[in-house]
Amino acid sequence: MKITMLGTGNAMVTECYNTCFIISGGGRNFLVDGGGGNMILRRLKSAGYDCMDIDEIFITHKHIDHLLGIIWVVRKICQSGMQKKQGKDVNVYGHAEVVRLLKEMLRELLWENQWNFVKRHIHFIVVEDGERRKVLDHSTTFFDIHSTKDRQFGFCMELDHGRKLTCCGDEPYNPRVRAYVENSDWLLHEAFCLHSQADIFAPYEKHHSTVKDACEIAESLGVRNLILYHTEDRTLPERRRLYTEEGSRYFHGRLYVPEDLETVLL
């Protein structure tokens, strides 16, 4: 299995794309969030994927830098499916509010024939806190991250050989989700900026973490591999080096600071 980071930036980046990624395994693909625009189509193409390759989608929350790209993905699936005269069934997971909002937007924005395709082939699945589903044939538990802003979910996927991968969405770890995060073999966690630059980027005002914060959390919870994302883009040319230097002082597992379109093998 592998993760392909389609985007690694926060909401307001211009030098990279908003954070979203694909988990691939067993010939199937799971898209997590879509970024904020149709750049998602270019990112998918650059990574070697077509929208018709996507089998399942999860939307963590309703913020525009996570939700709007999904509109373009669904439209492309509709367009390709109708042109080829073949259906493409896709499961779309999210909590009740985000699913309702996405369906309303699609119904209002798509052409009638596209919306009819959606009703036949796009399966909207509302998930509750702690609900377990099969995703990519792996048992996956969706959970409320207890956001301090809008409601947001993460997920914990059981990998082969008893390993687990946990995604905490784009807000700091909350101790109420400890059972999902603790002893994760892989943890995806936001890191808005370097701790040494917190006075510049003000992450706490935006309900985000620094690299130091994320790494201390991962270390304390026995995480083995930590992927940092949802960052600022002003340090982009040196981001990997700077984040790794700061993070390695607090986390002693394997630390990943991926670029857009980079692949991480699980």
Protein backbone atom coordinates (compact mmCIF):
# COMPACT_ATOMS: atom_id res chain seq x y z
CA MET A 1 0.00 0.00 0.00
CA LYS A 2 1.07 3.58 -0.50
CA ILE A 3 0.05 7.17 0.14
CA THR A 4 0.34 9.76 -2.61
CA MET A 5 0.27 13.31 -1.31
CA LEU A 6 -1.64 15.35 -3.89
CA GLY A 7 -1.23 18.49 -1.78
CA THR A 8 0.52 19.36 1.47
CA GLY A 9 -0.39 23.00 2.16
CA ASN A 10 -2.84 24.85 4.35
CA ALA A 11 -5.92 26.75 3.15
CA MET A 12 -4.18 29.86 1.84
CA VAL A 13 -1.11 28.42 0.08
CA THR A 14 -0.24 29.45 -3.47
CA GLU A 15 3.11 27.67 -3.94
CA CYS A 16 1.73 24.17 -3.39
CA TYR A 17 -1.77 22.65 -3.27
CA ASN A 18 -4.11 22.29 -0.30
CA THR A 19 -3.70 19.09 1.71
CA CYS A 20 -5.30 15.98 0.19
CA PHE A 21 -4.01 12.51 -0.59
CA ILE A 22 -4.75 9.07 -2.01
CA ILE A 23 -4.24 5.76 -0.23
CA SER A 24 -3.81 2.95 -2.76
CA GLY A 25 -3.87 -0.79 -2.23
CA GLY A 26 -5.09 -3.93 -3.91
CA GLY A 27 -5.76 -2.08 -7.15
CA ARG A 28 -8.18 0.34 -5.45
CA ASN A 29 -7.84 4.00 -4.50
CA PHE A 30 -9.17 5.99 -1.54
CA LEU A 31 -9.16 9.80 -1.91
CA VAL A 32 -9.07 11.82 1.32
CA ASP A 33 -10.29 15.40 0.78
CA GLY A 34 -9.99 17.27 -2.51
CA GLY A 35 -8.34 20.60 -1.87
CA GLY A 36 -10.02 23.84 -2.80
CA GLY A 37 -10.36 23.82 -6.59
CA ASN A 38 -9.87 22.15 -9.95
CA MET A 39 -6.12 21.92 -9.37
CA ILE A 40 -7.09 18.52 -7.96
CA LEU A 41 -7.56 17.33 -11.56
CA ARG A 42 -4.02 18.35 -12.49
CA ARG A 43 -2.60 16.83 -9.32
CA LEU A 44 -4.34 13.52 -10.02
CA LYS A 45 -3.06 13.51 -13.61
CA SER A 46 0.49 14.37 -12.53
CA ALA A 47 0.39 11.53 -10.01
CA GLY A 48 -0.72 9.07 -12.68
CA TYR A 49 -4.37 8.81 -11.65
CA ASP A 50 -7.62 9.43 -13.49
CA CYS A 51 -10.78 10.36 -11.62
CA MET A 52 -12.24 7.09 -12.84
CA ASP A 53 -9.54 5.31 -10.82
CA ILE A 54 -11.04 6.56 -7.57
CA ASP A 55 -13.17 4.01 -5.74
CA GLU A 56 -13.82 5.67 -2.39
CA ILE A 57 -13.70 9.23 -1.04
CA PHE A 58 -13.64 10.64 2.47
CA ILE A 59 -14.24 14.30 3.29
CA THR A 60 -12.96 15.25 6.72
CA HIS A 61 -14.96 18.49 7.07
CA LYS A 62 -16.69 21.29 5.19
CA HIS A 63 -13.90 23.87 4.88
CA ILE A 64 -13.43 25.05 1.30
CA ASP A 65 -9.79 23.91 1.07
CA HIS A 66 -10.95 20.32 1.67
CA LEU A 67 -14.40 20.16 0.09
CA LEU A 68 -14.51 22.10 -3.17
CA GLY A 69 -12.07 19.90 -5.07
CA ILE A 70 -14.49 17.00 -4.58
CA ILE A 71 -17.02 18.86 -6.75
CA TRP A 72 -14.54 18.73 -9.63
CA VAL A 73 -13.70 15.07 -9.04
CA VAL A 74 -17.37 14.09 -9.10
CA ARG A 75 -18.01 16.19 -12.19
CA LYS A 76 -15.09 14.53 -13.99
CA ILE A 77 -16.35 11.08 -13.00
CA CYS A 78 -19.79 12.00 -14.38
CA GLN A 79 -18.37 13.40 -17.61
CA SER A 80 -16.06 10.45 -18.25
CA GLY A 81 -18.72 7.90 -17.34
CA MET A 82 -21.31 9.40 -19.65
CA GLN A 83 -18.86 9.74 -22.55
CA LYS A 84 -17.76 6.11 -22.19
CA LYS A 85 -21.32 4.97 -21.46
CA GLN A 86 -20.17 3.11 -18.38
CA GLY A 87 -21.04 3.58 -14.75
CA LYS A 88 -18.49 4.19 -12.04
CA ASP A 89 -19.71 3.47 -8.53
CA VAL A 90 -17.96 5.49 -5.85
CA ASN A 91 -18.55 5.54 -2.10
CA VAL A 92 -18.32 9.00 -0.50
CA TYR A 93 -17.98 9.06 3.29
CA GLY A 94 -18.44 11.99 5.66
CA HIS A 95 -20.37 13.09 8.69
CA ALA A 96 -23.98 14.23 8.21
CA GLU A 97 -23.32 17.95 7.73
CA VAL A 98 -20.60 17.56 5.13
CA VAL A 99 -22.56 14.95 3.15
CA ARG A 100 -25.67 17.14 3.15
CA LEU A 101 -23.69 20.17 1.98
CA LEU A 102 -21.90 18.25 -0.78
CA LYS A 103 -25.15 16.78 -2.13
CA GLU A 104 -26.81 20.20 -2.14
CA MET A 105 -23.90 21.77 -4.01
CA LEU A 106 -23.78 19.00 -6.58
CA ARG A 107 -27.54 19.14 -7.15
CA GLU A 108 -27.38 22.92 -7.71
CA LEU A 109 -24.17 23.08 -9.75
CA LEU A 110 -24.25 20.03 -12.03
CA TRP A 111 -26.29 19.69 -15.19
CA GLU A 112 -29.40 17.56 -14.88
CA ASN A 113 -27.90 14.58 -16.71
CA GLN A 114 -24.80 14.76 -14.51
CA TRP A 115 -26.90 14.88 -11.35
CA ASN A 116 -28.86 11.87 -12.59
CA PHE A 117 -25.54 10.03 -13.02
CA VAL A 118 -24.60 11.01 -9.47
CA LYS A 119 -27.85 9.61 -8.10
CA ARG A 120 -27.16 6.29 -9.82
CA HIS A 121 -23.45 5.88 -9.14
CA ILE A 122 -22.20 8.12 -6.32
CA HIS A 123 -23.15 6.56 -2.98
CA PHE A 124 -23.16 9.06 -0.11
CA ILE A 125 -22.54 7.34 3.22
CA VAL A 126 -23.02 9.24 6.47
CA VAL A 127 -20.66 7.96 9.14
CA GLU A 128 -21.00 8.43 12.88
CA ASP A 129 -18.34 8.78 15.54
CA GLY A 130 -16.73 5.38 16.06
CA GLU A 131 -18.41 3.76 13.05
CA ARG A 132 -16.44 0.99 11.36
CA ARG A 133 -16.52 0.41 7.61
CA LYS A 134 -14.55 -1.58 5.03
CA VAL A 135 -12.39 0.78 2.94
CA LEU A 136 -9.98 -0.72 0.40
CA ASP A 137 -10.98 -4.01 2.05
CA HIS A 138 -9.44 -2.81 5.32
CA SER A 139 -11.42 -2.26 8.49
CA THR A 140 -11.57 1.51 8.98
CA THR A 141 -13.03 3.42 11.91
CA PHE A 142 -14.19 7.00 11.41
CA PHE A 143 -14.05 9.23 14.47
CA ASP A 144 -14.92 12.74 15.58
CA ILE A 145 -11.67 14.61 16.28
CA HIS A 146 -13.54 17.00 18.64
CA SER A 147 -12.66 20.06 16.61
CA THR A 148 -12.68 23.47 18.24
CA LYS A 149 -14.18 24.87 15.01
CA ASP A 150 -16.51 23.06 12.63
CA ARG A 151 -17.23 19.39 13.15
CA GLN A 152 -14.43 17.27 11.70
CA PHE A 153 -13.71 13.56 11.42
CA GLY A 154 -10.53 11.52 11.07
CA PHE A 155 -10.09 7.81 10.52
CA CYS A 156 -8.06 4.82 11.70
CA MET A 157 -7.35 2.09 9.12
CA GLU A 158 -6.20 -1.40 10.07
CA LEU A 159 -3.35 -2.39 7.75
CA ASP A 160 -1.82 -5.83 7.17
CA HIS A 161 0.12 -7.63 9.90
CA GLY A 162 -1.68 -5.85 12.73
CA ARG A 163 -0.47 -2.38 11.80
CA LYS A 164 -2.65 0.73 11.82
CA LEU A 165 -2.72 4.11 10.08
CA THR A 166 -4.41 7.09 11.69
CA CYS A 167 -5.37 10.44 10.16
CA CYS A 168 -6.21 13.24 12.61
CA GLY A 169 -7.67 15.65 10.07
CA ASP A 170 -6.25 19.18 10.07
CA GLU A 171 -6.43 20.14 13.74
CA PRO A 172 -4.22 19.20 16.68
CA TYR A 173 -4.55 15.85 18.40
CA ASN A 174 -7.20 15.81 21.11
CA PRO A 175 -6.65 13.42 24.06
CA ARG A 176 -10.24 12.22 23.60
CA VAL A 177 -9.10 10.29 20.48
CA ARG A 178 -6.10 8.71 22.19
CA ALA A 179 -7.34 5.16 21.56
CA TYR A 180 -7.10 5.70 17.79
CA VAL A 181 -3.77 7.53 17.72
CA GLU A 182 -1.77 5.66 20.36
CA ASN A 183 0.73 3.15 18.98
CA SER A 184 -0.11 3.98 15.37
CA ASP A 185 2.37 2.63 12.89
CA TRP A 186 1.55 5.63 10.70
CA LEU A 187 0.16 8.96 11.85
CA LEU A 188 -0.82 11.83 9.56
CA HIS A 189 -0.86 15.06 11.56
CA GLU A 190 -1.00 18.73 10.65
CA ALA A 191 1.95 21.03 11.41
CA PHE A 192 1.16 24.60 10.40
CA CYS A 193 4.70 25.92 10.84
CA LEU A 194 7.96 25.60 12.74
CA HIS A 195 7.68 26.19 16.48
CA SER A 196 10.50 28.70 16.08
CA GLN A 197 8.26 30.68 13.72
CA ALA A 198 5.04 30.52 15.74
CA ASP A 199 5.20 34.25 16.35
CA ILE A 200 5.20 34.80 12.56
CA PHE A 201 2.44 32.37 11.51
CA ALA A 202 0.28 32.38 14.67
CA PRO A 203 -0.79 28.71 14.44
CA TYR A 204 -2.62 28.64 17.76
CA GLU A 205 -4.94 31.45 16.72
CA LYS A 206 -5.93 29.24 13.76
CA HIS A 207 -6.34 26.11 15.91
CA HIS A 208 -3.23 24.43 14.50
CA SER A 209 0.01 22.88 15.72
CA THR A 210 3.70 23.54 15.21
CA VAL A 211 6.20 20.91 14.12
CA LYS A 212 7.41 20.61 17.71
CA ASP A 213 3.87 20.09 19.01
CA ALA A 214 3.05 17.36 16.49
CA CYS A 215 6.34 15.56 17.09
CA GLU A 216 6.00 15.66 20.87
CA ILE A 217 2.51 14.17 20.58
CA ALA A 218 3.70 11.39 18.29
CA GLU A 219 6.63 10.60 20.57
CA SER A 220 4.47 10.45 23.68
CA LEU A 221 1.94 8.13 22.02
CA GLY A 222 4.41 5.59 20.63
CA VAL A 223 3.91 6.45 16.95
CA ARG A 224 6.43 4.79 14.65
CA ASN A 225 6.09 6.83 11.44
CA LEU A 226 4.88 10.45 11.38
CA ILE A 227 3.78 12.34 8.26
CA LEU A 228 3.49 16.12 8.63
CA TYR A 229 1.22 18.12 6.32
CA HIS A 230 -1.14 21.13 6.08
CA THR A 231 1.75 23.57 6.36
CA GLU A 232 2.56 27.15 5.40
CA ASP A 233 4.32 27.61 2.04
CA ARG A 234 6.72 30.48 2.66
CA THR A 235 9.49 28.09 3.68
CA LEU A 236 8.64 25.62 0.91
CA PRO A 237 12.11 25.42 -0.76
CA GLU A 238 13.64 24.43 2.59
CA ARG A 239 10.56 23.05 4.32
CA ARG A 240 11.68 19.43 4.45
CA ARG A 241 15.09 20.27 5.91
CA LEU A 242 13.81 22.83 8.41
CA TYR A 243 10.86 20.74 9.62
CA THR A 244 13.01 17.61 9.88
CA GLU A 245 15.69 19.43 11.87
CA GLU A 246 13.17 20.79 14.36
CA GLY A 247 11.01 17.67 14.50
CA SER A 248 13.85 15.19 15.01
CA ARG A 249 14.67 16.86 18.33
CA TYR A 250 11.30 15.72 19.69
CA PHE A 251 10.36 12.61 17.70
CA HIS A 252 12.63 9.59 17.32
CA GLY A 253 10.63 7.49 14.89
CA ARG A 254 10.69 8.01 11.12
CA LEU A 255 9.64 11.55 10.23
CA TYR A 256 8.26 12.40 6.78
CA VAL A 257 7.80 15.92 5.42
CA PRO A 258 6.51 15.13 1.91
CA GLU A 259 6.28 17.41 -1.09
CA ASP A 260 3.21 17.56 -3.32
CA LEU A 261 2.99 14.42 -5.50
CA GLU A 262 5.43 12.49 -3.31
CA THR A 263 4.63 8.85 -2.54
CA VAL A 264 5.16 7.15 0.82
CA LEU A 265 5.16 3.35 0.94
CA LEU A 266 3.30 1.89 3.91
